[in-house]
Amino acid sequence: MGFKVAVVGATGNVGREMLNILEERGFPVDEIVALASRRSLGTEVSFGDKTLKVKVLDTYDFSDTDICIMSAGGNISKEWSPKIGKQGCVVIDNSSAFRYDQDVPLIVPEVNPDAISGFSKKNIIANPNCSTAQLVVALKPLHDAATIKRIVVSTYQSVSGAGKEGMDELFTQTRAVFVADPVEAKKFTKRIAFNVIPHIDVFMDDGSTKEEWKMVAETKKMLDPKIKLTATCVRVPVFIGHSEAVNIEFDKPITADEARDILREAPGCLVIDKREDGGYATPLDSAGEDATYISRIREDQTIDNGLSMWIVSDNLRKGAALNAVQIAELLVERGLISPKKKAA
């Protein structure tokens, strides 16, 4: 018997990607339901060769649903995830609403799968921030080998991380530049076309942004609370795919060749690292792919036991939808969830 799965926020970029990936990976679905707000009632979304009509979250009964994958933003999740969890449905939440709750596991299956057993406290599992997810996939095997002390990361994050509005703004502004129309900034704080913006999410008291703080807090929660991390998060005029320039200081010696060999064997990682023109991954290469790509692995001669590298991943997939589906798969593989018995 398969599972009954609901996808909340099914009309958004990530929600649609979740439906695609559930079908692509052959998740054991008996029944799938697409949910969104009232304004999306009746909208059609695809699930493989099927067409689903979107239903309204407000009036939906989750009592016979096994898994709810939530991608509707933090405010909606804060209101609905606890209610859904209390109905016996496991919520996999893509927002930041519960990532820092000690009673909610924050999971990247390649990194900390054993932590998933803690989901039963609230029936909620958190999906990490897109920029953190790809980072920890690459860091975990290296941390196991040589113990990471400190990380300096600069991100180059695509506009799809800001949703459909971000993608539309890049497209509209780019066209406006070419035809000499006025360029309006609505979604972003400054023009994004042919520009970069060193500002993602709100500013905090110490001068960092919330996006940068998320990377620190989530890496500590999933990987190791002793790791020191500093981040600068930048929005760039790319539609899909986040990139990261990462500098790592280790406790023990590790060479670039050793790191390359470790990462080639690591789950979820794909090393493309030839020291020649084009011998590295770009966000365009990662779009539509599941892997976290790692390139430009080299030793940092300015510190003891230092490495630098370049990490690229499709933020809509590994950064959001794919990771959520992998969490659902992990629940099933470990026997932590069984399909509810349907009424006769």
C-alpha atoms as a PDB file:
ATOM      1  CA  MET A   1       0.000   0.000   0.000  1.00  0.00           C
ATOM      2  CA  GLY A   2       1.300   3.434  -0.916  1.00  0.00           C
ATOM      3  CA  PHE A   3       1.106   6.696   0.997  1.00  0.00           C
ATOM      4  CA  LYS A   4      -1.291   9.595   0.803  1.00  0.00           C
ATOM      5  CA  VAL A   5       0.806  12.730   0.288  1.00  0.00           C
ATOM      6  CA  ALA A   6      -0.263  16.378   0.319  1.00  0.00           C
ATOM      7  CA  VAL A   7       1.850  19.187  -1.160  1.00  0.00           C
ATOM      8  CA  VAL A   8       1.014  22.616   0.285  1.00  0.00           C
ATOM      9  CA  GLY A   9       2.049  25.536  -1.914  1.00  0.00           C
ATOM     10  CA  ALA A  10       1.691  23.327  -4.983  1.00  0.00           C
ATOM     11  CA  THR A  11       1.366  26.257  -7.397  1.00  0.00           C
ATOM     12  CA  GLY A  12       4.730  27.830  -6.496  1.00  0.00           C
ATOM     13  CA  ASN A  13       8.129  27.142  -8.078  1.00  0.00           C
ATOM     14  CA  VAL A  14       9.200  24.767  -5.305  1.00  0.00           C
ATOM     15  CA  GLY A  15       5.780  23.135  -4.923  1.00  0.00           C
ATOM     16  CA  ARG A  16       5.656  22.238  -8.603  1.00  0.00           C
ATOM     17  CA  GLU A  17       9.221  20.914  -8.383  1.00  0.00           C
ATOM     18  CA  MET A  18       8.203  18.756  -5.386  1.00  0.00           C
ATOM     19  CA  LEU A  19       5.423  17.167  -7.441  1.00  0.00           C
ATOM     20  CA  ASN A  20       7.862  16.549 -10.327  1.00  0.00           C
ATOM     21  CA  ILE A  21      10.462  14.941  -8.070  1.00  0.00           C
ATOM     22  CA  LEU A  22       7.965  12.734  -6.209  1.00  0.00           C
ATOM     23  CA  GLU A  23       6.935  11.334  -9.595  1.00  0.00           C
ATOM     24  CA  GLU A  24      10.479  11.174 -11.040  1.00  0.00           C
ATOM     25  CA  ARG A  25      11.853   9.211  -8.093  1.00  0.00           C
ATOM     26  CA  GLY A  26       8.890   6.833  -7.933  1.00  0.00           C
ATOM     27  CA  PHE A  27       7.917   7.708  -4.362  1.00  0.00           C
ATOM     28  CA  PRO A  28       5.286   5.167  -3.219  1.00  0.00           C
ATOM     29  CA  VAL A  29       2.271   7.443  -3.586  1.00  0.00           C
ATOM     30  CA  ASP A  30      -1.216   5.953  -3.399  1.00  0.00           C
ATOM     31  CA  GLU A  31      -2.911   9.331  -3.589  1.00  0.00           C
ATOM     32  CA  ILE A  32      -1.530  12.850  -4.013  1.00  0.00           C
ATOM     33  CA  VAL A  33      -3.266  16.108  -3.186  1.00  0.00           C
ATOM     34  CA  ALA A  34      -2.221  19.593  -4.325  1.00  0.00           C
ATOM     35  CA  LEU A  35      -3.092  22.338  -1.829  1.00  0.00           C
ATOM     36  CA  ALA A  36      -2.743  26.119  -1.858  1.00  0.00           C
ATOM     37  CA  SER A  37      -4.573  29.280  -0.805  1.00  0.00           C
ATOM     38  CA  ARG A  38      -8.121  30.144  -1.847  1.00  0.00           C
ATOM     39  CA  ARG A  39      -6.943  32.294  -4.740  1.00  0.00           C
ATOM     40  CA  SER A  40      -5.414  29.184  -6.352  1.00  0.00           C
ATOM     41  CA  LEU A  41      -8.562  27.036  -6.042  1.00  0.00           C
ATOM     42  CA  GLY A  42      -9.090  25.084  -9.248  1.00  0.00           C
ATOM     43  CA  THR A  43      -5.648  25.866 -10.669  1.00  0.00           C
ATOM     44  CA  GLU A  44      -4.170  22.810 -12.389  1.00  0.00           C
ATOM     45  CA  VAL A  45      -0.730  21.369 -11.671  1.00  0.00           C
ATOM     46  CA  SER A  46       1.000  18.314 -13.112  1.00  0.00           C
ATOM     47  CA  PHE A  47       1.992  15.087 -11.408  1.00  0.00           C
ATOM     48  CA  GLY A  48       3.619  12.908 -14.052  1.00  0.00           C
ATOM     49  CA  ASP A  49       1.011  12.418 -16.767  1.00  0.00           C
ATOM     50  CA  LYS A  50      -1.805  13.320 -14.372  1.00  0.00           C
ATOM     51  CA  THR A  51      -3.355  16.735 -13.859  1.00  0.00           C
ATOM     52  CA  LEU A  52      -4.307  17.711 -10.321  1.00  0.00           C
ATOM     53  CA  LYS A  53      -6.825  20.400  -9.440  1.00  0.00           C
ATOM     54  CA  VAL A  54      -5.630  22.477  -6.512  1.00  0.00           C
ATOM     55  CA  LYS A  55      -7.678  22.298  -3.316  1.00  0.00           C
ATOM     56  CA  VAL A  56      -7.833  24.836  -0.484  1.00  0.00           C
ATOM     57  CA  LEU A  57      -5.589  24.344   2.551  1.00  0.00           C
ATOM     58  CA  ASP A  58      -8.023  26.039   4.963  1.00  0.00           C
ATOM     59  CA  THR A  59     -10.736  23.392   4.578  1.00  0.00           C
ATOM     60  CA  TYR A  60      -8.634  20.272   4.046  1.00  0.00           C
ATOM     61  CA  ASP A  61      -8.815  17.367   6.523  1.00  0.00           C
ATOM     62  CA  PHE A  62      -5.370  15.782   7.062  1.00  0.00           C
ATOM     63  CA  SER A  63      -6.578  12.936   9.286  1.00  0.00           C
ATOM     64  CA  ASP A  64      -6.120  10.305   6.537  1.00  0.00           C
ATOM     65  CA  THR A  65      -2.985  11.888   5.026  1.00  0.00           C
ATOM     66  CA  ASP A  66       0.413  10.332   5.792  1.00  0.00           C
ATOM     67  CA  ILE A  67       2.875  13.029   4.702  1.00  0.00           C
ATOM     68  CA  CYS A  68       2.434  16.755   4.106  1.00  0.00           C
ATOM     69  CA  ILE A  69       5.249  18.523   2.246  1.00  0.00           C
ATOM     70  CA  MET A  70       4.907  22.205   3.071  1.00  0.00           C
ATOM     71  CA  SER A  71       6.238  24.957   0.821  1.00  0.00           C
ATOM     72  CA  ALA A  72       3.991  27.924   1.509  1.00  0.00           C
ATOM     73  CA  GLY A  73       6.171  30.269   3.561  1.00  0.00           C
ATOM     74  CA  GLY A  74       6.958  30.682   7.242  1.00  0.00           C
ATOM     75  CA  ASN A  75       3.740  32.357   8.413  1.00  0.00           C
ATOM     76  CA  ILE A  76       1.499  29.705   6.903  1.00  0.00           C
ATOM     77  CA  SER A  77       3.734  26.966   8.262  1.00  0.00           C
ATOM     78  CA  LYS A  78       3.692  28.418  11.780  1.00  0.00           C
ATOM     79  CA  GLU A  79      -0.093  28.371  11.726  1.00  0.00           C
ATOM     80  CA  TRP A  80      -0.705  25.077   9.962  1.00  0.00           C
ATOM     81  CA  SER A  81       2.206  22.674  10.572  1.00  0.00           C
ATOM     82  CA  PRO A  82       1.391  22.083  14.276  1.00  0.00           C
ATOM     83  CA  LYS A  83      -2.307  21.568  13.432  1.00  0.00           C
ATOM     84  CA  ILE A  84      -1.453  19.099  10.673  1.00  0.00           C
ATOM     85  CA  GLY A  85       1.045  17.280  12.889  1.00  0.00           C
ATOM     86  CA  LYS A  86      -1.582  16.857  15.604  1.00  0.00           C
ATOM     87  CA  GLN A  87      -3.802  15.072  13.062  1.00  0.00           C
ATOM     88  CA  GLY A  88      -1.139  12.360  12.782  1.00  0.00           C
ATOM     89  CA  CYS A  89       0.297  13.566   9.483  1.00  0.00           C
ATOM     90  CA  VAL A  90       4.077  14.075   9.298  1.00  0.00           C
ATOM     91  CA  VAL A  91       4.951  17.557   8.040  1.00  0.00           C
ATOM     92  CA  ILE A  92       8.149  18.165   6.051  1.00  0.00           C
ATOM     93  CA  ASP A  93       8.463  21.940   6.124  1.00  0.00           C
ATOM     94  CA  ASN A  94      10.519  23.917   3.627  1.00  0.00           C
ATOM     95  CA  SER A  95      10.268  27.239   5.485  1.00  0.00           C
ATOM     96  CA  SER A  96      12.448  28.581   8.300  1.00  0.00           C
ATOM     97  CA  ALA A  97       9.569  28.422  10.810  1.00  0.00           C
ATOM     98  CA  PHE A  98      10.789  25.363  12.750  1.00  0.00           C
ATOM     99  CA  ARG A  99      14.460  24.968  11.735  1.00  0.00           C
ATOM    100  CA  TYR A 100      15.777  26.260  15.057  1.00  0.00           C
ATOM    101  CA  ASP A 101      13.232  24.476  17.274  1.00  0.00           C
ATOM    102  CA  GLN A 102      15.106  21.917  19.392  1.00  0.00           C
ATOM    103  CA  ASP A 103      12.132  19.549  19.168  1.00  0.00           C
ATOM    104  CA  VAL A 104      12.157  19.587  15.360  1.00  0.00           C
ATOM    105  CA  PRO A 105      14.926  17.763  13.460  1.00  0.00           C
ATOM    106  CA  LEU A 106      16.636  19.728  10.680  1.00  0.00           C
ATOM    107  CA  ILE A 107      17.630  17.154   8.083  1.00  0.00           C
ATOM    108  CA  VAL A 108      19.834  16.703   5.047  1.00  0.00           C
ATOM    109  CA  PRO A 109      19.740  12.929   4.493  1.00  0.00           C
ATOM    110  CA  GLU A 110      23.384  12.708   3.317  1.00  0.00           C
ATOM    111  CA  VAL A 111      24.520  14.621   6.422  1.00  0.00           C
ATOM    112  CA  ASN A 112      22.530  13.749   9.560  1.00  0.00           C
ATOM    113  CA  PRO A 113      19.992  10.998   8.771  1.00  0.00           C
ATOM    114  CA  ASP A 114      19.972   9.614  12.321  1.00  0.00           C
ATOM    115  CA  ALA A 115      18.507  12.865  13.680  1.00  0.00           C
ATOM    116  CA  ILE A 116      15.243  12.142  11.861  1.00  0.00           C
ATOM    117  CA  SER A 117      14.036   9.874  14.676  1.00  0.00           C
ATOM    118  CA  GLY A 118      13.265  12.986  16.725  1.00  0.00           C
ATOM    119  CA  PHE A 119      10.370  13.978  14.444  1.00  0.00           C
ATOM    120  CA  SER A 120       7.756  12.293  16.632  1.00  0.00           C
ATOM    121  CA  LYS A 121       7.841  15.073  19.259  1.00  0.00           C
ATOM    122  CA  LYS A 122       5.895  17.428  16.995  1.00  0.00           C
ATOM    123  CA  ASN A 123       5.408  15.373  13.798  1.00  0.00           C
ATOM    124  CA  ILE A 124       7.394  18.087  11.992  1.00  0.00           C
ATOM    125  CA  ILE A 125      10.714  17.818  10.136  1.00  0.00           C
ATOM    126  CA  ALA A 126      12.468  20.951   8.865  1.00  0.00           C
ATOM    127  CA  ASN A 127      14.156  21.355   5.497  1.00  0.00           C
ATOM    128  CA  PRO A 128      17.229  23.629   5.659  1.00  0.00           C
ATOM    129  CA  ASN A 129      17.843  26.862   3.811  1.00  0.00           C
ATOM    130  CA  CYS A 130      18.814  26.332   0.170  1.00  0.00           C
ATOM    131  CA  SER A 131      22.298  27.810   0.564  1.00  0.00           C
ATOM    132  CA  THR A 132      23.014  25.680   3.651  1.00  0.00           C
ATOM    133  CA  ALA A 133      21.805  22.399   2.144  1.00  0.00           C
ATOM    134  CA  GLN A 134      24.375  22.252  -0.640  1.00  0.00           C
ATOM    135  CA  LEU A 135      27.127  23.517   1.657  1.00  0.00           C
ATOM    136  CA  VAL A 136      26.736  20.790   4.287  1.00  0.00           C
ATOM    137  CA  VAL A 137      26.479  18.023   1.666  1.00  0.00           C
ATOM    138  CA  ALA A 138      30.019  18.939   0.603  1.00  0.00           C
ATOM    139  CA  LEU A 139      31.328  19.660   4.102  1.00  0.00           C
ATOM    140  CA  LYS A 140      30.119  16.529   5.914  1.00  0.00           C
ATOM    141  CA  PRO A 141      32.584  13.986   4.422  1.00  0.00           C
ATOM    142  CA  LEU A 142      35.469  16.435   4.848  1.00  0.00           C
ATOM    143  CA  HIS A 143      34.487  17.142   8.459  1.00  0.00           C
ATOM    144  CA  ASP A 144      34.442  13.393   9.144  1.00  0.00           C
ATOM    145  CA  ALA A 145      37.948  13.090   7.694  1.00  0.00           C
ATOM    146  CA  ALA A 146      39.769  16.114   9.133  1.00  0.00           C
ATOM    147  CA  THR A 147      37.409  18.049  11.499  1.00  0.00           C
ATOM    148  CA  ILE A 148      36.412  21.515  10.294  1.00  0.00           C
ATOM    149  CA  LYS A 149      37.280  24.429  12.589  1.00  0.00           C
ATOM    150  CA  ARG A 150      36.236  27.479  10.563  1.00  0.00           C
ATOM    151  CA  ILE A 151      34.441  28.276   7.301  1.00  0.00           C
ATOM    152  CA  VAL A 152      34.324  31.478   5.265  1.00  0.00           C
ATOM    153  CA  VAL A 153      31.654  31.333   2.550  1.00  0.00           C
ATOM    154  CA  SER A 154      30.494  33.808  -0.061  1.00  0.00           C
ATOM    155  CA  THR A 155      27.317  32.873  -1.905  1.00  0.00           C
ATOM    156  CA  TYR A 156      26.140  33.759  -5.399  1.00  0.00           C
ATOM    157  CA  GLN A 157      22.422  33.029  -5.143  1.00  0.00           C
ATOM    158  CA  SER A 158      20.016  32.887  -8.058  1.00  0.00           C
ATOM    159  CA  VAL A 159      16.803  34.896  -8.223  1.00  0.00           C
ATOM    160  CA  SER A 160      14.633  31.764  -8.048  1.00  0.00           C
ATOM    161  CA  GLY A 161      15.554  31.679  -4.362  1.00  0.00           C
ATOM    162  CA  ALA A 162      13.194  34.651  -4.069  1.00  0.00           C
ATOM    163  CA  GLY A 163      10.381  32.777  -5.838  1.00  0.00           C
ATOM    164  CA  LYS A 164       8.556  33.415  -9.093  1.00  0.00           C
ATOM    165  CA  GLU A 165       8.510  37.166  -8.388  1.00  0.00           C
ATOM    166  CA  GLY A 166      12.306  37.208  -8.330  1.00  0.00           C
ATOM    167  CA  MET A 167      12.549  35.345 -11.640  1.00  0.00           C
ATOM    168  CA  ASP A 168       9.959  37.627 -13.226  1.00  0.00           C
ATOM    169  CA  GLU A 169      11.840  40.721 -12.038  1.00  0.00           C
ATOM    170  CA  LEU A 170      15.125  39.591 -13.571  1.00  0.00           C
ATOM    171  CA  PHE A 171      13.387  38.828 -16.865  1.00  0.00           C
ATOM    172  CA  THR A 172      11.421  42.095 -16.927  1.00  0.00           C
ATOM    173  CA  GLN A 173      14.403  44.260 -15.984  1.00  0.00           C
ATOM    174  CA  THR A 174      16.699  42.570 -18.514  1.00  0.00           C
ATOM    175  CA  ARG A 175      14.200  43.176 -21.298  1.00  0.00           C
ATOM    176  CA  ALA A 176      13.730  46.779 -20.144  1.00  0.00           C
ATOM    177  CA  VAL A 177      17.486  47.407 -20.318  1.00  0.00           C
ATOM    178  CA  PHE A 178      17.669  46.147 -23.905  1.00  0.00           C
ATOM    179  CA  VAL A 179      14.736  48.234 -25.139  1.00  0.00           C
ATOM    180  CA  ALA A 180      15.678  51.295 -23.044  1.00  0.00           C
ATOM    181  CA  ASP A 181      12.513  51.188 -20.932  1.00  0.00           C
ATOM    182  CA  PRO A 182      12.521  52.355 -17.285  1.00  0.00           C
ATOM    183  CA  VAL A 183      13.881  49.671 -14.937  1.00  0.00           C
ATOM    184  CA  GLU A 184      11.788  49.140 -11.811  1.00  0.00           C
ATOM    185  CA  ALA A 185      12.943  47.324  -8.657  1.00  0.00           C
ATOM    186  CA  LYS A 186       9.993  45.774  -6.813  1.00  0.00           C
ATOM    187  CA  LYS A 187      11.033  42.426  -5.390  1.00  0.00           C
ATOM    188  CA  PHE A 188      14.684  43.308  -4.781  1.00  0.00           C
ATOM    189  CA  THR A 189      16.132  46.361  -3.039  1.00  0.00           C
ATOM    190  CA  LYS A 190      18.155  47.376  -6.086  1.00  0.00           C
ATOM    191  CA  ARG A 191      18.188  46.523  -9.773  1.00  0.00           C
ATOM    192  CA  ILE A 192      19.169  42.871 -10.248  1.00  0.00           C
ATOM    193  CA  ALA A 193      19.618  42.843 -14.040  1.00  0.00           C
ATOM    194  CA  PHE A 194      23.353  43.143 -14.839  1.00  0.00           C
ATOM    195  CA  ASN A 195      24.046  43.744 -11.148  1.00  0.00           C
ATOM    196  CA  VAL A 196      24.703  41.879  -7.886  1.00  0.00           C
ATOM    197  CA  ILE A 197      23.073  42.675  -4.544  1.00  0.00           C
ATOM    198  CA  PRO A 198      24.917  41.851  -1.260  1.00  0.00           C
ATOM    199  CA  HIS A 199      21.668  41.615   0.672  1.00  0.00           C
ATOM    200  CA  ILE A 200      19.343  38.619   1.135  1.00  0.00           C
ATOM    201  CA  ASP A 201      16.601  38.689   3.801  1.00  0.00           C
ATOM    202  CA  VAL A 202      16.512  41.332   6.563  1.00  0.00           C
ATOM    203  CA  PHE A 203      19.434  42.998   8.314  1.00  0.00           C
ATOM    204  CA  MET A 204      20.256  42.010  11.892  1.00  0.00           C
ATOM    205  CA  ASP A 205      21.742  44.079  14.736  1.00  0.00           C
ATOM    206  CA  ASP A 206      25.315  42.905  14.100  1.00  0.00           C
ATOM    207  CA  GLY A 207      25.221  43.955  10.437  1.00  0.00           C
ATOM    208  CA  SER A 208      24.752  40.459   9.018  1.00  0.00           C
ATOM    209  CA  THR A 209      21.595  39.476   7.163  1.00  0.00           C
ATOM    210  CA  LYS A 210      19.127  36.805   8.234  1.00  0.00           C
ATOM    211  CA  GLU A 211      20.257  34.636   5.294  1.00  0.00           C
ATOM    212  CA  GLU A 212      23.836  34.748   6.582  1.00  0.00           C
ATOM    213  CA  TRP A 213      22.697  33.973  10.126  1.00  0.00           C
ATOM    214  CA  LYS A 214      20.694  30.986   8.846  1.00  0.00           C
ATOM    215  CA  MET A 215      23.818  29.460   7.314  1.00  0.00           C
ATOM    216  CA  VAL A 216      25.650  29.764  10.637  1.00  0.00           C
ATOM    217  CA  ALA A 217      22.850  28.384  12.808  1.00  0.00           C
ATOM    218  CA  GLU A 218      21.865  25.551  10.470  1.00  0.00           C
ATOM    219  CA  THR A 219      25.429  24.347   9.851  1.00  0.00           C
ATOM    220  CA  LYS A 220      25.987  24.199  13.606  1.00  0.00           C
ATOM    221  CA  LYS A 221      22.724  22.310  14.187  1.00  0.00           C
ATOM    222  CA  MET A 222      23.240  19.728  11.430  1.00  0.00           C
ATOM    223  CA  LEU A 223      27.013  19.328  11.304  1.00  0.00           C
ATOM    224  CA  ASP A 224      28.776  20.437  14.504  1.00  0.00           C
ATOM    225  CA  PRO A 225      28.058  23.248  17.000  1.00  0.00           C
ATOM    226  CA  LYS A 226      31.813  23.848  17.382  1.00  0.00           C
ATOM    227  CA  ILE A 227      32.269  24.965  13.760  1.00  0.00           C
ATOM    228  CA  LYS A 228      32.812  28.705  13.291  1.00  0.00           C
ATOM    229  CA  LEU A 229      31.266  30.093  10.111  1.00  0.00           C
ATOM    230  CA  THR A 230      31.037  33.529   8.547  1.00  0.00           C
ATOM    231  CA  ALA A 231      28.994  34.166   5.397  1.00  0.00           C
ATOM    232  CA  THR A 232      28.333  36.910   2.872  1.00  0.00           C
ATOM    233  CA  CYS A 233      25.193  36.165   0.855  1.00  0.00           C
ATOM    234  CA  VAL A 234      24.793  37.818  -2.530  1.00  0.00           C
ATOM    235  CA  ARG A 235      21.923  37.781  -5.033  1.00  0.00           C
ATOM    236  CA  VAL A 236      23.139  37.469  -8.637  1.00  0.00           C
ATOM    237  CA  PRO A 237      21.346  37.724 -12.014  1.00  0.00           C
ATOM    238  CA  VAL A 238      21.071  33.960 -12.558  1.00  0.00           C
ATOM    239  CA  PHE A 239      17.680  32.245 -12.847  1.00  0.00           C
ATOM    240  CA  ILE A 240      18.468  28.859 -11.250  1.00  0.00           C
ATOM    241  CA  GLY A 241      21.432  27.526  -9.283  1.00  0.00           C
ATOM    242  CA  HIS A 242      23.245  28.785  -6.205  1.00  0.00           C
ATOM    243  CA  SER A 243      27.043  28.984  -6.182  1.00  0.00           C
ATOM    244  CA  GLU A 244      29.370  29.258  -3.193  1.00  0.00           C
ATOM    245  CA  ALA A 245      33.056  30.109  -2.820  1.00  0.00           C
ATOM    246  CA  VAL A 246      34.121  28.296   0.351  1.00  0.00           C
ATOM    247  CA  ASN A 247      37.310  28.533   2.390  1.00  0.00           C
ATOM    248  CA  ILE A 248      37.740  25.876   5.090  1.00  0.00           C
ATOM    249  CA  GLU A 249      40.204  25.574   7.961  1.00  0.00           C
ATOM    250  CA  PHE A 250      40.649  22.058   9.357  1.00  0.00           C
ATOM    251  CA  ASP A 251      41.960  20.732  12.642  1.00  0.00           C
ATOM    252  CA  LYS A 252      43.965  17.983  10.891  1.00  0.00           C
ATOM    253  CA  PRO A 253      46.029  18.068   7.695  1.00  0.00           C
ATOM    254  CA  ILE A 254      44.173  17.332   4.457  1.00  0.00           C
ATOM    255  CA  THR A 255      45.441  17.807   0.910  1.00  0.00           C
ATOM    256  CA  ALA A 256      43.437  18.862  -2.126  1.00  0.00           C
ATOM    257  CA  ASP A 257      43.956  15.403  -3.649  1.00  0.00           C
ATOM    258  CA  GLU A 258      42.680  13.712  -0.483  1.00  0.00           C
ATOM    259  CA  ALA A 259      39.635  16.000  -0.403  1.00  0.00           C
ATOM    260  CA  ARG A 260      38.936  15.296  -4.076  1.00  0.00           C
ATOM    261  CA  ASP A 261      39.050  11.532  -3.488  1.00  0.00           C
ATOM    262  CA  ILE A 262      36.788  11.790  -0.417  1.00  0.00           C
ATOM    263  CA  LEU A 263      34.218  13.926  -2.222  1.00  0.00           C
ATOM    264  CA  ARG A 264      34.165  11.648  -5.266  1.00  0.00           C
ATOM    265  CA  GLU A 265      32.923   8.841  -2.997  1.00  0.00           C
ATOM    266  CA  ALA A 266      30.527  10.988  -0.948  1.00  0.00           C
ATOM    267  CA  PRO A 267      26.746  10.668  -1.373  1.00  0.00           C
ATOM    268  CA  GLY A 268      25.125  13.515  -3.277  1.00  0.00           C
ATOM    269  CA  CYS A 269      28.459  14.980  -4.431  1.00  0.00           C
ATOM    270  CA  LEU A 270      29.805  15.204  -7.969  1.00  0.00           C
ATOM    271  CA  VAL A 271      33.375  16.436  -8.423  1.00  0.00           C
ATOM    272  CA  ILE A 272      34.126  18.298 -11.665  1.00  0.00           C
ATOM    273  CA  ASP A 273      37.602  19.636 -11.103  1.00  0.00           C
ATOM    274  CA  LYS A 274      39.935  19.836 -14.080  1.00  0.00           C
ATOM    275  CA  ARG A 275      42.478  22.626 -14.055  1.00  0.00           C
ATOM    276  CA  GLU A 276      41.657  23.751 -17.559  1.00  0.00           C
ATOM    277  CA  ASP A 277      39.230  26.043 -19.362  1.00  0.00           C
ATOM    278  CA  GLY A 278      35.688  24.908 -18.551  1.00  0.00           C
ATOM    279  CA  GLY A 279      36.857  22.196 -16.150  1.00  0.00           C
ATOM    280  CA  TYR A 280      34.464  23.325 -13.408  1.00  0.00           C
ATOM    281  CA  ALA A 281      30.718  23.485 -12.731  1.00  0.00           C
ATOM    282  CA  THR A 282      28.555  26.573 -13.146  1.00  0.00           C
ATOM    283  CA  PRO A 283      24.965  27.209 -12.019  1.00  0.00           C
ATOM    284  CA  LEU A 284      23.788  26.541 -15.564  1.00  0.00           C
ATOM    285  CA  ASP A 285      25.335  23.051 -15.362  1.00  0.00           C
ATOM    286  CA  SER A 286      23.482  22.334 -12.117  1.00  0.00           C
ATOM    287  CA  ALA A 287      20.000  23.393 -13.268  1.00  0.00           C
ATOM    288  CA  GLY A 288      17.652  20.409 -13.308  1.00  0.00           C
ATOM    289  CA  GLU A 289      20.241  18.125 -11.682  1.00  0.00           C
ATOM    290  CA  ASP A 290      20.209  16.466  -8.251  1.00  0.00           C
ATOM    291  CA  ALA A 291      23.921  16.530  -7.414  1.00  0.00           C
ATOM    292  CA  THR A 292      25.919  19.067  -5.468  1.00  0.00           C
ATOM    293  CA  TYR A 293      28.791  19.937  -7.803  1.00  0.00           C
ATOM    294  CA  ILE A 294      32.238  20.649  -6.366  1.00  0.00           C
ATOM    295  CA  SER A 295      35.050  22.299  -8.335  1.00  0.00           C
ATOM    296  CA  ARG A 296      38.228  24.375  -7.886  1.00  0.00           C
ATOM    297  CA  ILE A 297      39.465  22.276  -4.932  1.00  0.00           C
ATOM    298  CA  ARG A 298      42.830  23.684  -3.883  1.00  0.00           C
ATOM    299  CA  GLU A 299      45.028  24.171  -0.850  1.00  0.00           C
ATOM    300  CA  ASP A 300      45.031  27.536   0.936  1.00  0.00           C
ATOM    301  CA  GLN A 301      48.658  28.429   1.579  1.00  0.00           C
ATOM    302  CA  THR A 302      47.768  31.308   3.950  1.00  0.00           C
ATOM    303  CA  ILE A 303      46.718  29.028   6.833  1.00  0.00           C
ATOM    304  CA  ASP A 304      47.591  25.595   8.189  1.00  0.00           C
ATOM    305  CA  ASN A 305      45.262  22.824   6.988  1.00  0.00           C
ATOM    306  CA  GLY A 306      43.250  25.081   4.670  1.00  0.00           C
ATOM    307  CA  LEU A 307      41.285  24.303   1.512  1.00  0.00           C
ATOM    308  CA  SER A 308      39.269  26.437  -0.889  1.00  0.00           C
ATOM    309  CA  MET A 309      36.548  25.157  -3.216  1.00  0.00           C
ATOM    310  CA  TRP A 310      33.579  26.099  -5.385  1.00  0.00           C
ATOM    311  CA  ILE A 311      30.168  24.498  -4.746  1.00  0.00           C
ATOM    312  CA  VAL A 312      27.171  24.695  -7.089  1.00  0.00           C
ATOM    313  CA  SER A 313      23.681  23.214  -6.879  1.00  0.00           C
ATOM    314  CA  ASP A 314      20.141  23.658  -8.214  1.00  0.00           C
ATOM    315  CA  ASN A 315      18.507  25.562  -5.352  1.00  0.00           C
ATOM    316  CA  LEU A 316      14.985  24.484  -6.338  1.00  0.00           C
ATOM    317  CA  ARG A 317      16.011  20.823  -6.183  1.00  0.00           C
ATOM    318  CA  LYS A 318      18.666  19.982  -3.571  1.00  0.00           C
ATOM    319  CA  GLY A 319      18.106  23.330  -1.898  1.00  0.00           C
ATOM    320  CA  ALA A 320      14.395  22.675  -1.441  1.00  0.00           C
ATOM    321  CA  ALA A 321      12.211  20.143  -3.269  1.00  0.00           C
ATOM    322  CA  LEU A 322      14.626  17.234  -3.694  1.00  0.00           C
ATOM    323  CA  ASN A 323      15.795  17.398  -0.092  1.00  0.00           C
ATOM    324  CA  ALA A 324      12.177  17.368   1.130  1.00  0.00           C
ATOM    325  CA  VAL A 325      11.400  14.273  -0.961  1.00  0.00           C
ATOM    326  CA  GLN A 326      14.601  12.594   0.254  1.00  0.00           C
ATOM    327  CA  ILE A 327      13.424  13.211   3.827  1.00  0.00           C
ATOM    328  CA  ALA A 328      10.134  11.493   2.977  1.00  0.00           C
ATOM    329  CA  GLU A 329      12.081   8.587   1.457  1.00  0.00           C
ATOM    330  CA  LEU A 330      14.201   8.356   4.617  1.00  0.00           C
ATOM    331  CA  LEU A 331      11.053   8.095   6.764  1.00  0.00           C
ATOM    332  CA  VAL A 332       9.865   5.185   4.621  1.00  0.00           C
ATOM    333  CA  GLU A 333      13.265   3.433   4.370  1.00  0.00           C
ATOM    334  CA  ARG A 334      13.729   3.476   8.133  1.00  0.00           C
ATOM    335  CA  GLY A 335      10.210   2.243   8.811  1.00  0.00           C
ATOM    336  CA  LEU A 336       9.373   5.389  10.780  1.00  0.00           C
ATOM    337  CA  ILE A 337       6.060   5.830   8.997  1.00  0.00           C
ATOM    338  CA  SER A 338       3.419   3.453   7.696  1.00  0.00           C
ATOM    339  CA  PRO A 339       0.412   4.184   5.473  1.00  0.00           C
ATOM    340  CA  LYS A 340      -2.692   4.859   7.522  1.00  0.00           C
ATOM    341  CA  LYS A 341      -5.328   2.186   7.141  1.00  0.00           C
ATOM    342  CA  LYS A 342      -8.060   3.469   4.911  1.00  0.00           C
ATOM    343  CA  ALA A 343     -11.643   3.066   6.042  1.00  0.00           C
ATOM    344  CA  ALA A 344     -13.324   0.065   4.483  1.00  0.00           C
END
